[in-house]
Protein backbone atom coordinates (compact mmCIF):
# COMPACT_ATOMS: atom_id res chain seq x y z
CA MET A 1 -22.72 -5.90 -7.21
CA PRO A 2 -20.56 -8.98 -7.84
CA VAL A 3 -18.76 -10.57 -4.89
CA LEU A 4 -15.04 -11.15 -4.37
CA VAL A 5 -14.09 -13.38 -1.44
CA LEU A 6 -10.64 -13.06 0.15
CA ALA A 7 -9.29 -16.56 0.71
CA THR A 8 -7.27 -15.83 3.85
CA GLY A 9 -7.72 -16.17 7.58
CA ASN A 10 -4.88 -13.73 8.33
CA ALA A 11 -6.38 -10.57 9.82
CA GLY A 12 -3.40 -8.46 8.73
CA LYS A 13 -3.78 -9.62 5.14
CA VAL A 14 -7.54 -9.00 5.21
CA ARG A 15 -6.97 -5.38 6.30
CA GLU A 16 -4.23 -4.81 3.75
CA LEU A 17 -6.04 -6.50 0.85
CA THR A 18 -9.28 -4.67 1.59
CA ALA A 19 -7.44 -1.35 1.43
CA LEU A 20 -5.47 -2.31 -1.68
CA LEU A 21 -8.62 -3.42 -3.49
CA ALA A 22 -10.64 -0.34 -2.56
CA ARG A 23 -12.79 1.21 -5.25
CA ILE A 24 -13.17 -1.96 -7.30
CA PRO A 25 -16.77 -2.68 -8.38
CA PHE A 26 -17.02 -5.77 -6.17
CA GLU A 27 -18.41 -6.41 -2.72
CA ILE A 28 -15.42 -7.71 -0.79
CA ARG A 29 -16.21 -10.53 1.63
CA THR A 30 -14.04 -12.65 3.91
CA LEU A 31 -14.10 -16.25 5.08
CA ALA A 32 -15.94 -15.08 8.20
CA ASP A 33 -18.94 -14.50 5.93
CA TYR A 34 -19.03 -18.20 4.99
CA PRO A 35 -18.75 -20.34 8.13
CA PRO A 36 -17.93 -23.05 8.81
CA PHE A 37 -14.86 -23.24 6.61
CA VAL A 38 -11.21 -23.99 7.25
CA LEU A 39 -8.65 -23.31 4.55
CA PRO A 40 -6.65 -26.35 3.44
CA GLU A 41 -2.99 -26.61 4.38
CA GLU A 42 -0.59 -24.65 2.18
CA SER A 43 1.22 -27.71 0.87
CA GLY A 44 2.51 -26.24 -2.41
CA ASP A 45 6.17 -25.78 -3.27
CA THR A 46 5.54 -22.43 -4.96
CA TYR A 47 3.68 -19.22 -4.19
CA GLU A 48 1.47 -19.97 -7.21
CA GLY A 49 0.60 -23.42 -5.89
CA ASN A 50 -0.32 -22.16 -2.43
CA ALA A 51 -2.37 -19.24 -3.75
CA LEU A 52 -4.32 -21.62 -5.98
CA ILE A 53 -4.90 -24.14 -3.15
CA LYS A 54 -6.60 -21.43 -1.08
CA ALA A 55 -8.50 -19.79 -3.93
CA ARG A 56 -9.80 -23.05 -5.40
CA ALA A 57 -11.04 -24.34 -2.04
CA THR A 58 -12.71 -21.03 -1.23
CA ALA A 59 -14.38 -20.79 -4.64
CA ALA A 60 -15.74 -24.31 -4.23
CA HIS A 61 -17.07 -23.53 -0.73
CA THR A 62 -18.58 -20.10 -1.47
CA ASN A 63 -19.53 -20.48 -5.13
CA GLU A 64 -18.10 -16.98 -5.64
CA LEU A 65 -15.09 -15.40 -7.35
CA THR A 66 -12.19 -15.67 -4.90
CA LEU A 67 -8.76 -14.17 -4.43
CA GLY A 68 -6.10 -16.27 -2.76
CA ASP A 69 -2.58 -15.09 -2.20
CA ASP A 70 0.70 -16.42 -0.98
CA SER A 71 3.69 -14.34 -0.15
CA GLY A 72 7.06 -14.67 1.44
CA ILE A 73 10.40 -13.12 2.06
CA GLU A 74 13.48 -14.42 0.26
CA VAL A 75 16.78 -13.66 1.98
CA ASP A 76 19.92 -13.83 -0.17
CA ALA A 77 22.16 -14.89 2.74
CA LEU A 78 19.81 -17.85 3.31
CA HIS A 79 19.81 -18.86 -0.38
CA GLY A 80 16.24 -17.60 -0.84
CA ALA A 81 14.80 -19.00 2.38
CA PRO A 82 12.33 -18.87 3.99
CA GLY A 83 10.39 -18.19 0.76
CA VAL A 84 7.12 -20.12 0.59
CA ARG A 85 7.68 -21.27 4.16
CA SER A 86 7.83 -17.74 5.57
CA ALA A 87 4.66 -18.15 7.65
CA ARG A 88 6.04 -21.32 9.26
CA PHE A 89 9.69 -20.26 9.52
CA GLY A 90 11.42 -21.37 12.70
CA GLY A 91 8.91 -24.10 13.52
CA PRO A 92 5.43 -24.30 15.03
CA GLY A 93 4.35 -22.03 17.84
CA LEU A 94 6.19 -18.90 16.72
CA ASP A 95 4.29 -15.66 16.15
CA ASP A 96 5.42 -12.86 13.83
CA LYS A 97 7.89 -11.51 16.40
CA GLY A 98 9.32 -14.97 16.99
CA ARG A 99 9.85 -15.59 13.28
CA VAL A 100 11.52 -12.20 12.86
CA ALA A 101 13.81 -12.90 15.83
CA HIS A 102 14.70 -16.30 14.36
CA LEU A 103 15.57 -14.70 11.02
CA LEU A 104 17.72 -12.02 12.64
CA ARG A 105 19.63 -14.63 14.66
CA LEU A 106 20.39 -16.65 11.54
CA ILE A 107 21.91 -13.70 9.68
CA ASP A 108 23.36 -11.74 12.60
CA HIS A 109 26.89 -12.29 11.26
CA VAL A 110 26.02 -11.15 7.72
CA PRO A 111 27.40 -7.68 6.81
CA ASP A 112 25.00 -4.94 5.75
CA GLY A 113 26.05 -5.15 2.10
CA ALA A 114 25.06 -8.82 1.91
CA ARG A 115 21.65 -8.62 3.57
CA GLY A 116 19.66 -8.35 0.33
CA ALA A 117 16.11 -9.68 0.33
CA ARG A 118 12.87 -9.45 -1.55
CA PHE A 119 9.22 -9.79 -0.75
CA VAL A 120 7.22 -11.80 -3.31
CA CYS A 121 3.44 -12.07 -3.59
CA VAL A 122 1.34 -14.15 -5.99
CA MET A 123 -2.42 -13.69 -6.20
CA ALA A 124 -4.79 -16.22 -7.73
CA LEU A 125 -8.24 -15.24 -8.94
CA VAL A 126 -10.49 -18.30 -9.27
CA THR A 127 -14.10 -18.39 -10.47
CA PRO A 128 -16.62 -21.03 -9.38
CA ASP A 129 -16.54 -22.46 -12.92
CA GLY A 130 -12.77 -22.98 -12.70
CA ARG A 131 -11.23 -20.06 -14.59
CA GLU A 132 -7.93 -19.06 -13.03
CA THR A 133 -5.70 -15.99 -13.31
CA LEU A 134 -2.33 -15.60 -11.60
CA VAL A 135 -0.54 -12.28 -11.00
CA ARG A 136 2.74 -11.54 -9.24
CA GLY A 137 4.48 -8.67 -7.48
CA ALA A 138 7.99 -8.40 -6.00
CA CYS A 139 9.89 -5.75 -4.07
CA GLU A 140 13.65 -5.61 -3.48
CA GLY A 141 15.19 -4.44 -0.21
CA ARG A 142 17.37 -5.69 2.60
CA ILE A 143 17.06 -7.04 6.11
CA ALA A 144 17.58 -4.44 8.83
CA ARG A 145 19.65 -5.20 11.94
CA ALA A 146 16.60 -4.84 14.22
CA PRO A 147 12.86 -4.32 13.87
CA ARG A 148 11.81 -0.73 13.19
CA GLY A 149 8.29 0.67 13.14
CA ALA A 150 4.95 -0.58 14.37
CA GLY A 151 3.13 -0.73 11.04
CA GLY A 152 2.37 -3.70 8.82
CA PHE A 153 2.72 -7.29 9.96
CA GLY A 154 4.96 -10.30 9.51
CA TYR A 155 8.46 -9.37 8.41
CA ASP A 156 7.58 -5.74 7.61
CA PRO A 157 9.54 -4.23 10.56
CA VAL A 158 12.84 -5.74 9.32
CA PHE A 159 12.36 -5.27 5.57
CA PHE A 160 14.24 -2.06 4.74
CA TYR A 161 13.28 -0.40 1.46
CA PRO A 162 16.19 1.87 0.41
CA PRO A 163 14.33 4.17 -2.04
CA LEU A 164 12.06 5.37 0.79
CA GLY A 165 14.63 5.12 3.58
CA GLY A 166 12.59 3.00 5.97
CA THR A 167 11.31 -0.43 6.81
CA PHE A 168 7.84 -1.50 5.76
CA GLY A 169 7.00 -1.19 9.46
CA GLU A 170 7.87 2.51 9.32
CA LEU A 171 6.23 3.48 6.02
CA SER A 172 2.68 4.80 5.82
CA ASP A 173 0.11 2.41 4.41
CA GLU A 174 -0.16 4.61 1.31
CA ALA A 175 3.58 4.68 0.66
CA LYS A 176 3.91 0.95 1.21
CA ALA A 177 0.96 0.18 -1.07
CA ARG A 178 2.65 1.90 -4.02
CA VAL A 179 5.84 -0.18 -3.84
CA SER A 180 5.16 -3.38 -1.91
CA HIS A 181 4.94 -6.87 -3.36
CA ARG A 182 1.31 -7.10 -2.29
CA GLY A 183 0.51 -3.64 -3.62
CA LEU A 184 1.98 -4.48 -7.02
CA ALA A 185 0.20 -7.85 -7.16
CA ALA A 186 -3.09 -6.21 -6.10
CA ALA A 187 -2.74 -3.60 -8.87
CA ALA A 188 -2.30 -6.43 -11.38
CA ALA A 189 -5.29 -8.27 -9.88
CA LYS A 190 -7.42 -5.12 -10.18
CA ALA A 191 -6.43 -4.82 -13.82
CA ALA A 192 -7.35 -8.47 -14.39
CA LEU A 193 -10.73 -7.96 -12.69
CA ALA A 194 -11.41 -4.85 -14.79
CA SER A 195 -10.69 -6.73 -17.99
CA GLY A 196 -13.15 -9.47 -17.07
């Protein structure tokens, strides 16, 4: 069975991607299967750039097909920030809860009708011989007043998705997978893998 390596060190992403990519005819491996390896810094200005940085480095290290992704949350009241800097939002040393608290403080004064936001995810498939495919998924919602739910990771507890009436932290994994930015990008990646 061919191998697909997930180019991420984020345990939450590994769990989510593994579930989203279930039933593909690939053996899914992680960076833990290829020590020692440290992903390069995400220095790109775009989701595409960061996804490719990770996927290219992982493909070179493992000599296998790799999937790198980059995602972020874009908040209208912050003119699209934090965007590609979502994982580093608020400065070094903050964990997911700290970044969420920082975001909520910044937009505390913003009325409910102006708290629009979207999650964006770009996935890069890179082969050892240098072929590259990019796919994208996005999901529109708004920022809740406070975290809700214990599911997901990152900004999920404050990303309210109106069609399902809950935050991504409240939705089941199955419901979230059908509508989320990462779920949509993973579906496109699966289609790209199926088409060769």
